[in-house]
């Protein structure tokens, strides 16, 4: 079971070729497939290894803007060390169950998280443009 809602940022691509992952701190679970208004508070830098191949697979950390329990959090430094440790442990355990190794490499604040999202958006656009060019050539 996920400790909080876990999803992705639409129209982004990360180093693993998938949309950027985000864990959202909120008071109650959201319905599957809904869009949430969130405030990025940080990023958990990570490496994920599967079948001997290691790639970057960071996790964004956000707070639902409608959360009362977490409304005071604006930076990953304001998340309790206990909660951060539990989140890191969750990602390690979750990946281990799927035959992957997950290693936390760094923690970053909201500015780093926003940069990651902007890079992910650029990568998404770049990939879309490449696909359009390939389609024109056919």
C-alpha atoms as a PDB file:
ATOM      1  CA  UNK A   1       0.000   0.000   0.000  1.00  0.00           C
ATOM      2  CA  UNK A   2       1.296   3.448  -0.895  1.00  0.00           C
ATOM      3  CA  UNK A   3       1.674   5.758   2.123  1.00  0.00           C
ATOM      4  CA  UNK A   4       0.369   8.710   0.059  1.00  0.00           C
ATOM      5  CA  UNK A   5      -0.926   9.202  -3.461  1.00  0.00           C
ATOM      6  CA  UNK A   6       1.711   8.307  -6.028  1.00  0.00           C
ATOM      7  CA  UNK A   7       1.382   9.411  -9.599  1.00  0.00           C
ATOM      8  CA  UNK A   8       3.076  11.265 -12.409  1.00  0.00           C
ATOM      9  CA  UNK A   9       3.379  14.733 -13.891  1.00  0.00           C
ATOM     10  CA  UNK A  10       1.579  14.807 -17.266  1.00  0.00           C
ATOM     11  CA  UNK A  11       3.516  15.827 -20.379  1.00  0.00           C
ATOM     12  CA  UNK A  12       6.939  15.203 -18.842  1.00  0.00           C
ATOM     13  CA  UNK A  13       9.618  12.577 -19.408  1.00  0.00           C
ATOM     14  CA  UNK A  14      12.308  11.523 -16.954  1.00  0.00           C
ATOM     15  CA  UNK A  15      15.639   9.786 -17.389  1.00  0.00           C
ATOM     16  CA  UNK A  16      13.895   6.415 -17.524  1.00  0.00           C
ATOM     17  CA  UNK A  17      11.692   7.482 -20.462  1.00  0.00           C
ATOM     18  CA  UNK A  18       8.536   7.557 -18.330  1.00  0.00           C
ATOM     19  CA  UNK A  19       6.648  10.587 -16.995  1.00  0.00           C
ATOM     20  CA  UNK A  20       8.155  12.083 -13.827  1.00  0.00           C
ATOM     21  CA  UNK A  21       6.986  10.326 -10.661  1.00  0.00           C
ATOM     22  CA  UNK A  22       5.473  12.322  -7.795  1.00  0.00           C
ATOM     23  CA  UNK A  23       4.427  11.401  -4.257  1.00  0.00           C
ATOM     24  CA  UNK A  24       1.733  13.779  -2.997  1.00  0.00           C
ATOM     25  CA  UNK A  25       1.292  14.427   0.708  1.00  0.00           C
ATOM     26  CA  UNK A  26      -2.415  14.892   1.350  1.00  0.00           C
ATOM     27  CA  UNK A  27      -5.076  14.289   3.975  1.00  0.00           C
ATOM     28  CA  UNK A  28      -7.139  11.669   2.129  1.00  0.00           C
ATOM     29  CA  UNK A  29      -6.519   9.517  -0.962  1.00  0.00           C
ATOM     30  CA  UNK A  30      -7.646  10.865  -4.322  1.00  0.00           C
ATOM     31  CA  UNK A  31      -9.564   8.945  -6.958  1.00  0.00           C
ATOM     32  CA  UNK A  32      -7.496   7.097  -9.552  1.00  0.00           C
ATOM     33  CA  UNK A  33      -6.860   9.178 -12.649  1.00  0.00           C
ATOM     34  CA  UNK A  34      -7.681  12.596 -11.250  1.00  0.00           C
ATOM     35  CA  UNK A  35      -5.524  15.686 -11.608  1.00  0.00           C
ATOM     36  CA  UNK A  36      -4.371  17.397  -8.423  1.00  0.00           C
ATOM     37  CA  UNK A  37      -3.228  20.932  -7.714  1.00  0.00           C
ATOM     38  CA  UNK A  38       0.022  20.553  -5.817  1.00  0.00           C
ATOM     39  CA  UNK A  39       2.968  22.520  -4.502  1.00  0.00           C
ATOM     40  CA  UNK A  40       6.366  20.986  -5.234  1.00  0.00           C
ATOM     41  CA  UNK A  41       8.408  20.835  -2.028  1.00  0.00           C
ATOM     42  CA  UNK A  42      11.372  18.745  -3.097  1.00  0.00           C
ATOM     43  CA  UNK A  43      12.897  15.817  -4.858  1.00  0.00           C
ATOM     44  CA  UNK A  44      14.312  12.494  -3.728  1.00  0.00           C
ATOM     45  CA  UNK A  45      17.223  11.757  -6.039  1.00  0.00           C
ATOM     46  CA  UNK A  46      17.530   8.043  -6.737  1.00  0.00           C
ATOM     47  CA  UNK A  47      19.102   5.328  -8.834  1.00  0.00           C
ATOM     48  CA  UNK A  48      17.093   2.288  -9.799  1.00  0.00           C
ATOM     49  CA  UNK A  49      18.766  -0.936 -10.906  1.00  0.00           C
ATOM     50  CA  UNK A  50      17.022  -3.716 -12.805  1.00  0.00           C
ATOM     51  CA  UNK A  51      18.716  -6.611 -14.606  1.00  0.00           C
ATOM     52  CA  UNK A  52      22.126  -5.010 -14.028  1.00  0.00           C
ATOM     53  CA  UNK A  53      21.095  -1.735 -15.680  1.00  0.00           C
ATOM     54  CA  UNK A  54      21.112   1.366 -13.467  1.00  0.00           C
ATOM     55  CA  UNK A  55      19.279   4.563 -14.360  1.00  0.00           C
ATOM     56  CA  UNK A  56      18.213   7.742 -12.616  1.00  0.00           C
ATOM     57  CA  UNK A  57      14.628   7.528 -11.372  1.00  0.00           C
ATOM     58  CA  UNK A  58      14.011  10.461  -9.041  1.00  0.00           C
ATOM     59  CA  UNK A  59      10.810  11.002  -7.088  1.00  0.00           C
ATOM     60  CA  UNK A  60       9.245  14.424  -6.806  1.00  0.00           C
ATOM     61  CA  UNK A  61       7.639  15.275  -3.483  1.00  0.00           C
ATOM     62  CA  UNK A  62       4.596  17.556  -3.433  1.00  0.00           C
ATOM     63  CA  UNK A  63       1.856  18.709  -1.096  1.00  0.00           C
ATOM     64  CA  UNK A  64      -1.771  18.959  -2.152  1.00  0.00           C
ATOM     65  CA  UNK A  65      -2.741  22.610  -1.971  1.00  0.00           C
ATOM     66  CA  UNK A  66      -5.921  21.513  -0.148  1.00  0.00           C
ATOM     67  CA  UNK A  67      -4.084  19.604   2.595  1.00  0.00           C
ATOM     68  CA  UNK A  68      -4.624  20.853   6.127  1.00  0.00           C
ATOM     69  CA  UNK A  69      -2.231  18.351   7.704  1.00  0.00           C
ATOM     70  CA  UNK A  70       0.661  19.364   5.444  1.00  0.00           C
ATOM     71  CA  UNK A  71      -0.158  23.013   4.648  1.00  0.00           C
ATOM     72  CA  UNK A  72       2.905  24.201   6.584  1.00  0.00           C
ATOM     73  CA  UNK A  73       5.299  22.308   4.286  1.00  0.00           C
ATOM     74  CA  UNK A  74       6.908  24.382   1.527  1.00  0.00           C
ATOM     75  CA  UNK A  75      10.352  22.745   1.444  1.00  0.00           C
ATOM     76  CA  UNK A  76      11.581  19.181   1.848  1.00  0.00           C
ATOM     77  CA  UNK A  77      13.543  20.412   4.885  1.00  0.00           C
ATOM     78  CA  UNK A  78      10.186  20.980   6.614  1.00  0.00           C
ATOM     79  CA  UNK A  79       9.151  17.326   6.189  1.00  0.00           C
ATOM     80  CA  UNK A  80       9.863  15.405   9.376  1.00  0.00           C
ATOM     81  CA  UNK A  81      12.952  13.193   9.273  1.00  0.00           C
ATOM     82  CA  UNK A  82      10.752  10.270  10.337  1.00  0.00           C
ATOM     83  CA  UNK A  83       8.357  10.748   7.425  1.00  0.00           C
ATOM     84  CA  UNK A  84      11.213  11.171   4.931  1.00  0.00           C
ATOM     85  CA  UNK A  85      12.836   8.002   6.242  1.00  0.00           C
ATOM     86  CA  UNK A  86       9.534   6.136   5.872  1.00  0.00           C
ATOM     87  CA  UNK A  87       9.085   7.384   2.296  1.00  0.00           C
ATOM     88  CA  UNK A  88      12.623   6.362   1.361  1.00  0.00           C
ATOM     89  CA  UNK A  89      12.066   2.953   2.994  1.00  0.00           C
ATOM     90  CA  UNK A  90       8.814   2.544   1.099  1.00  0.00           C
ATOM     91  CA  UNK A  91      10.479   3.171  -2.271  1.00  0.00           C
ATOM     92  CA  UNK A  92      13.292   0.733  -1.440  1.00  0.00           C
ATOM     93  CA  UNK A  93      10.835  -1.971  -0.341  1.00  0.00           C
ATOM     94  CA  UNK A  94       8.385  -1.380  -3.197  1.00  0.00           C
ATOM     95  CA  UNK A  95      11.127  -1.767  -5.802  1.00  0.00           C
ATOM     96  CA  UNK A  96      12.684  -4.768  -4.085  1.00  0.00           C
ATOM     97  CA  UNK A  97       9.347  -6.607  -4.362  1.00  0.00           C
ATOM     98  CA  UNK A  98       9.546  -6.022  -8.124  1.00  0.00           C
ATOM     99  CA  UNK A  99      13.104  -7.295  -8.459  1.00  0.00           C
ATOM    100  CA  UNK A 100      14.650  -3.829  -8.603  1.00  0.00           C
ATOM    101  CA  UNK A 101      17.147  -2.047  -6.395  1.00  0.00           C
ATOM    102  CA  UNK A 102      16.317   1.522  -5.379  1.00  0.00           C
ATOM    103  CA  UNK A 103      19.013   3.695  -3.848  1.00  0.00           C
ATOM    104  CA  UNK A 104      18.422   7.213  -2.556  1.00  0.00           C
ATOM    105  CA  UNK A 105      21.304   9.404  -3.718  1.00  0.00           C
ATOM    106  CA  UNK A 106      20.249  12.904  -2.682  1.00  0.00           C
ATOM    107  CA  UNK A 107      17.518  15.204  -1.445  1.00  0.00           C
ATOM    108  CA  UNK A 108      16.720  18.548  -3.039  1.00  0.00           C
ATOM    109  CA  UNK A 109      14.370  21.421  -2.368  1.00  0.00           C
ATOM    110  CA  UNK A 110      11.555  22.948  -4.391  1.00  0.00           C
ATOM    111  CA  UNK A 111      13.819  24.853  -6.800  1.00  0.00           C
ATOM    112  CA  UNK A 112      15.538  21.634  -7.826  1.00  0.00           C
ATOM    113  CA  UNK A 113      12.144  19.923  -8.179  1.00  0.00           C
ATOM    114  CA  UNK A 114      10.850  22.714 -10.428  1.00  0.00           C
ATOM    115  CA  UNK A 115      14.010  22.492 -12.574  1.00  0.00           C
ATOM    116  CA  UNK A 116      13.411  18.745 -12.929  1.00  0.00           C
ATOM    117  CA  UNK A 117       9.830  19.322 -14.065  1.00  0.00           C
ATOM    118  CA  UNK A 118      10.932  21.964 -16.592  1.00  0.00           C
ATOM    119  CA  UNK A 119      13.583  19.581 -17.960  1.00  0.00           C
ATOM    120  CA  UNK A 120      10.955  16.826 -18.129  1.00  0.00           C
ATOM    121  CA  UNK A 121       8.621  19.100 -20.073  1.00  0.00           C
ATOM    122  CA  UNK A 122      11.397  19.997 -22.528  1.00  0.00           C
ATOM    123  CA  UNK A 123      12.226  16.312 -23.007  1.00  0.00           C
ATOM    124  CA  UNK A 124       8.550  15.510 -23.623  1.00  0.00           C
ATOM    125  CA  UNK A 125       8.350  18.271 -26.263  1.00  0.00           C
ATOM    126  CA  UNK A 126      11.633  17.175 -27.873  1.00  0.00           C
ATOM    127  CA  UNK A 127      10.432  13.575 -28.113  1.00  0.00           C
ATOM    128  CA  UNK A 128       7.075  14.693 -29.542  1.00  0.00           C
ATOM    129  CA  UNK A 129       8.837  16.810 -32.161  1.00  0.00           C
ATOM    130  CA  UNK A 130      11.057  13.845 -33.131  1.00  0.00           C
ATOM    131  CA  UNK A 131       7.993  11.632 -33.559  1.00  0.00           C
ATOM    132  CA  UNK A 132       6.283  14.280 -35.716  1.00  0.00           C
ATOM    133  CA  UNK A 133       9.363  14.510 -37.962  1.00  0.00           C
ATOM    134  CA  UNK A 134       9.513  10.722 -38.328  1.00  0.00           C
ATOM    135  CA  UNK A 135       5.814  10.615 -39.216  1.00  0.00           C
ATOM    136  CA  UNK A 136       6.320  13.276 -41.926  1.00  0.00           C
ATOM    137  CA  UNK A 137       9.099  11.231 -43.516  1.00  0.00           C
ATOM    138  CA  UNK A 138       6.874   8.167 -43.879  1.00  0.00           C
END
